[in-house]
């Protein structure tokens, strides 16, 4: 069975935790679409084009993974891309309540699409894009948390 999973997020920037989930998902699904949301409400540090480019660099070599940007309702985009699964990451119990609400809404808007949750490896469970940006802004070393090309983009942005 050929199942396509769509992994949506802002990915501002993509972290090793995201990459871990995507790499593992690439072994579970025929195709994984990393769908990067424009999400101007969050005022991302990087443009949509920059986030797409960083994700493509970080995920290079995963042949069944596609990275793209989108700026529409997620449920509509999932159906447009003929995906059967929305993939979400859960780092901690605190993520669950919000993710549970999203899954319920997406089920209502796209009833043929299932939401599945993956947890990152334990060594990535505490990493978030927001925390990585904050540590980097304050001069901390985030090289263990992001791909080298993402690290270079962070350093350039924070100069």
Foldseek 3Di string as FASTA:
>chain_A
DAAEEEEEDQPLPPKVQNLQVVVVVLVVHQAYEYEHEQPCVVVRLDGPVVRQVQVCVQNPPSVRYHYDYDHDDPLVVCVVVVHQEYEYEALDPVVPVVVVVVQVVSCVSNVRHHYDYDYGPNVQSPDDSVVLLVCVLVPHDCPVIHDPVVVVVSVVSND
